[in-house]
Amino acid sequence: MKELENRVNRIIGQLESVKKEITKENYDCGQIVQQVKAISGSIKSFGKAFAEEDIKACMNKDLSKEEIKERLETILDVAFKY
């Protein structure tokens, strides 16, 4: 989970950078768009890593087959919804 926490902290740092940039009078639009694309990629990557960790955690917990099935269905439903 430490790796996931680090990813979130990097995303927060990227967002703070964009926030700081847009408060400038003469901000660089191209740079902001590039940062937003990077943030979007980071969030997508985080989502995949989080789902993978959750699936692995399910396999290591003492869960019933039904509980594992429900968690996997939730992950898949959300993953393909967006």
C-alpha atoms as a PDB file:
ATOM      1  CA  MET A   1       0.000   0.000   0.000  1.00  0.00           C
ATOM      2  CA  LYS A   2       2.987   2.308   0.425  1.00  0.00           C
ATOM      3  CA  GLU A   3       3.468   2.396  -3.358  1.00  0.00           C
ATOM      4  CA  LEU A   4      -0.169   3.402  -3.814  1.00  0.00           C
ATOM      5  CA  GLU A   5       0.236   6.131  -1.221  1.00  0.00           C
ATOM      6  CA  ASN A   6       3.289   7.409  -3.080  1.00  0.00           C
ATOM      7  CA  ARG A   7       1.300   7.506  -6.320  1.00  0.00           C
ATOM      8  CA  VAL A   8      -1.445   9.540  -4.658  1.00  0.00           C
ATOM      9  CA  ASN A   9       1.130  11.962  -3.271  1.00  0.00           C
ATOM     10  CA  ARG A  10       2.627  12.427  -6.760  1.00  0.00           C
ATOM     11  CA  ILE A  11      -0.835  13.102  -8.192  1.00  0.00           C
ATOM     12  CA  ILE A  12      -1.499  15.650  -5.456  1.00  0.00           C
ATOM     13  CA  GLY A  13       1.828  17.303  -6.267  1.00  0.00           C
ATOM     14  CA  GLN A  14       0.922  17.459  -9.950  1.00  0.00           C
ATOM     15  CA  LEU A  15      -2.464  18.999  -9.118  1.00  0.00           C
ATOM     16  CA  GLU A  16      -0.866  21.565  -6.814  1.00  0.00           C
ATOM     17  CA  SER A  17       1.512  22.484  -9.622  1.00  0.00           C
ATOM     18  CA  VAL A  18      -1.405  23.094 -11.997  1.00  0.00           C
ATOM     19  CA  LYS A  19      -3.229  25.092  -9.344  1.00  0.00           C
ATOM     20  CA  LYS A  20      -0.158  27.258  -8.802  1.00  0.00           C
ATOM     21  CA  GLU A  21       0.353  27.734 -12.541  1.00  0.00           C
ATOM     22  CA  ILE A  22      -3.229  28.845 -13.286  1.00  0.00           C
ATOM     23  CA  THR A  23      -3.044  31.563 -10.632  1.00  0.00           C
ATOM     24  CA  LYS A  24      -0.268  33.267 -12.598  1.00  0.00           C
ATOM     25  CA  GLU A  25      -1.297  36.168 -14.786  1.00  0.00           C
ATOM     26  CA  ASN A  26       0.563  34.884 -17.840  1.00  0.00           C
ATOM     27  CA  TYR A  27       0.293  31.135 -17.460  1.00  0.00           C
ATOM     28  CA  ASP A  28       1.478  28.760 -20.177  1.00  0.00           C
ATOM     29  CA  CYS A  29      -1.649  27.068 -21.562  1.00  0.00           C
ATOM     30  CA  GLY A  30       0.351  24.384 -23.360  1.00  0.00           C
ATOM     31  CA  GLN A  31       2.204  23.475 -20.198  1.00  0.00           C
ATOM     32  CA  ILE A  32      -1.040  23.219 -18.234  1.00  0.00           C
ATOM     33  CA  VAL A  33      -2.652  20.989 -20.859  1.00  0.00           C
ATOM     34  CA  GLN A  34       0.433  18.771 -20.804  1.00  0.00           C
ATOM     35  CA  GLN A  35       0.298  18.563 -16.992  1.00  0.00           C
ATOM     36  CA  VAL A  36      -3.424  17.732 -17.075  1.00  0.00           C
ATOM     37  CA  LYS A  37      -2.755  14.891 -19.537  1.00  0.00           C
ATOM     38  CA  ALA A  38       0.002  13.606 -17.247  1.00  0.00           C
ATOM     39  CA  ILE A  39      -2.339  13.772 -14.249  1.00  0.00           C
ATOM     40  CA  SER A  40      -5.003  11.883 -16.170  1.00  0.00           C
ATOM     41  CA  GLY A  41      -2.496   9.153 -17.014  1.00  0.00           C
ATOM     42  CA  SER A  42      -1.310   9.016 -13.416  1.00  0.00           C
ATOM     43  CA  ILE A  43      -4.850   8.605 -12.127  1.00  0.00           C
ATOM     44  CA  LYS A  44      -5.585   5.858 -14.648  1.00  0.00           C
ATOM     45  CA  SER A  45      -2.374   4.072 -13.675  1.00  0.00           C
ATOM     46  CA  PHE A  46      -3.240   4.432  -9.989  1.00  0.00           C
ATOM     47  CA  GLY A  47      -6.683   2.922 -10.594  1.00  0.00           C
ATOM     48  CA  LYS A  48      -5.190  -0.123 -12.287  1.00  0.00           C
ATOM     49  CA  ALA A  49      -2.595  -0.574  -9.531  1.00  0.00           C
ATOM     50  CA  PHE A  50      -5.239  -0.183  -6.821  1.00  0.00           C
ATOM     51  CA  ALA A  51      -7.529  -2.755  -8.454  1.00  0.00           C
ATOM     52  CA  GLU A  52      -4.614  -5.165  -8.795  1.00  0.00           C
ATOM     53  CA  GLU A  53      -3.692  -4.758  -5.123  1.00  0.00           C
ATOM     54  CA  ASP A  54      -7.300  -5.243  -4.068  1.00  0.00           C
ATOM     55  CA  ILE A  55      -7.606  -8.424  -6.130  1.00  0.00           C
ATOM     56  CA  LYS A  56      -4.384  -9.773  -4.622  1.00  0.00           C
ATOM     57  CA  ALA A  57      -5.631  -8.879  -1.138  1.00  0.00           C
ATOM     58  CA  CYS A  58      -8.870 -10.765  -1.809  1.00  0.00           C
ATOM     59  CA  MET A  59      -6.905 -13.872  -2.647  1.00  0.00           C
ATOM     60  CA  ASN A  60      -4.933 -13.627   0.593  1.00  0.00           C
ATOM     61  CA  LYS A  61      -7.926 -13.020   2.861  1.00  0.00           C
ATOM     62  CA  ASP A  62     -10.158 -15.624   4.330  1.00  0.00           C
ATOM     63  CA  LEU A  63     -13.136 -14.635   2.178  1.00  0.00           C
ATOM     64  CA  SER A  64     -15.865 -16.872   0.884  1.00  0.00           C
ATOM     65  CA  LYS A  65     -16.091 -17.497  -2.837  1.00  0.00           C
ATOM     66  CA  GLU A  66     -19.222 -15.361  -2.893  1.00  0.00           C
ATOM     67  CA  GLU A  67     -17.431 -12.424  -1.208  1.00  0.00           C
ATOM     68  CA  ILE A  68     -14.536 -12.673  -3.669  1.00  0.00           C
ATOM     69  CA  LYS A  69     -16.988 -12.841  -6.568  1.00  0.00           C
ATOM     70  CA  GLU A  70     -18.824  -9.726  -5.325  1.00  0.00           C
ATOM     71  CA  ARG A  71     -15.587  -7.738  -4.953  1.00  0.00           C
ATOM     72  CA  LEU A  72     -14.365  -8.752  -8.399  1.00  0.00           C
ATOM     73  CA  GLU A  73     -17.723  -7.889  -9.957  1.00  0.00           C
ATOM     74  CA  THR A  74     -17.596  -4.460  -8.312  1.00  0.00           C
ATOM     75  CA  ILE A  75     -14.081  -3.807  -9.595  1.00  0.00           C
ATOM     76  CA  LEU A  76     -14.956  -4.932 -13.113  1.00  0.00           C
ATOM     77  CA  ASP A  77     -18.206  -2.967 -13.139  1.00  0.00           C
ATOM     78  CA  VAL A  78     -16.445   0.238 -12.168  1.00  0.00           C
ATOM     79  CA  ALA A  79     -13.460  -0.412 -14.441  1.00  0.00           C
ATOM     80  CA  PHE A  80     -15.641  -0.734 -17.529  1.00  0.00           C
ATOM     81  CA  LYS A  81     -18.134   1.941 -16.533  1.00  0.00           C
ATOM     82  CA  TYR A  82     -15.689   4.803 -17.042  1.00  0.00           C
END
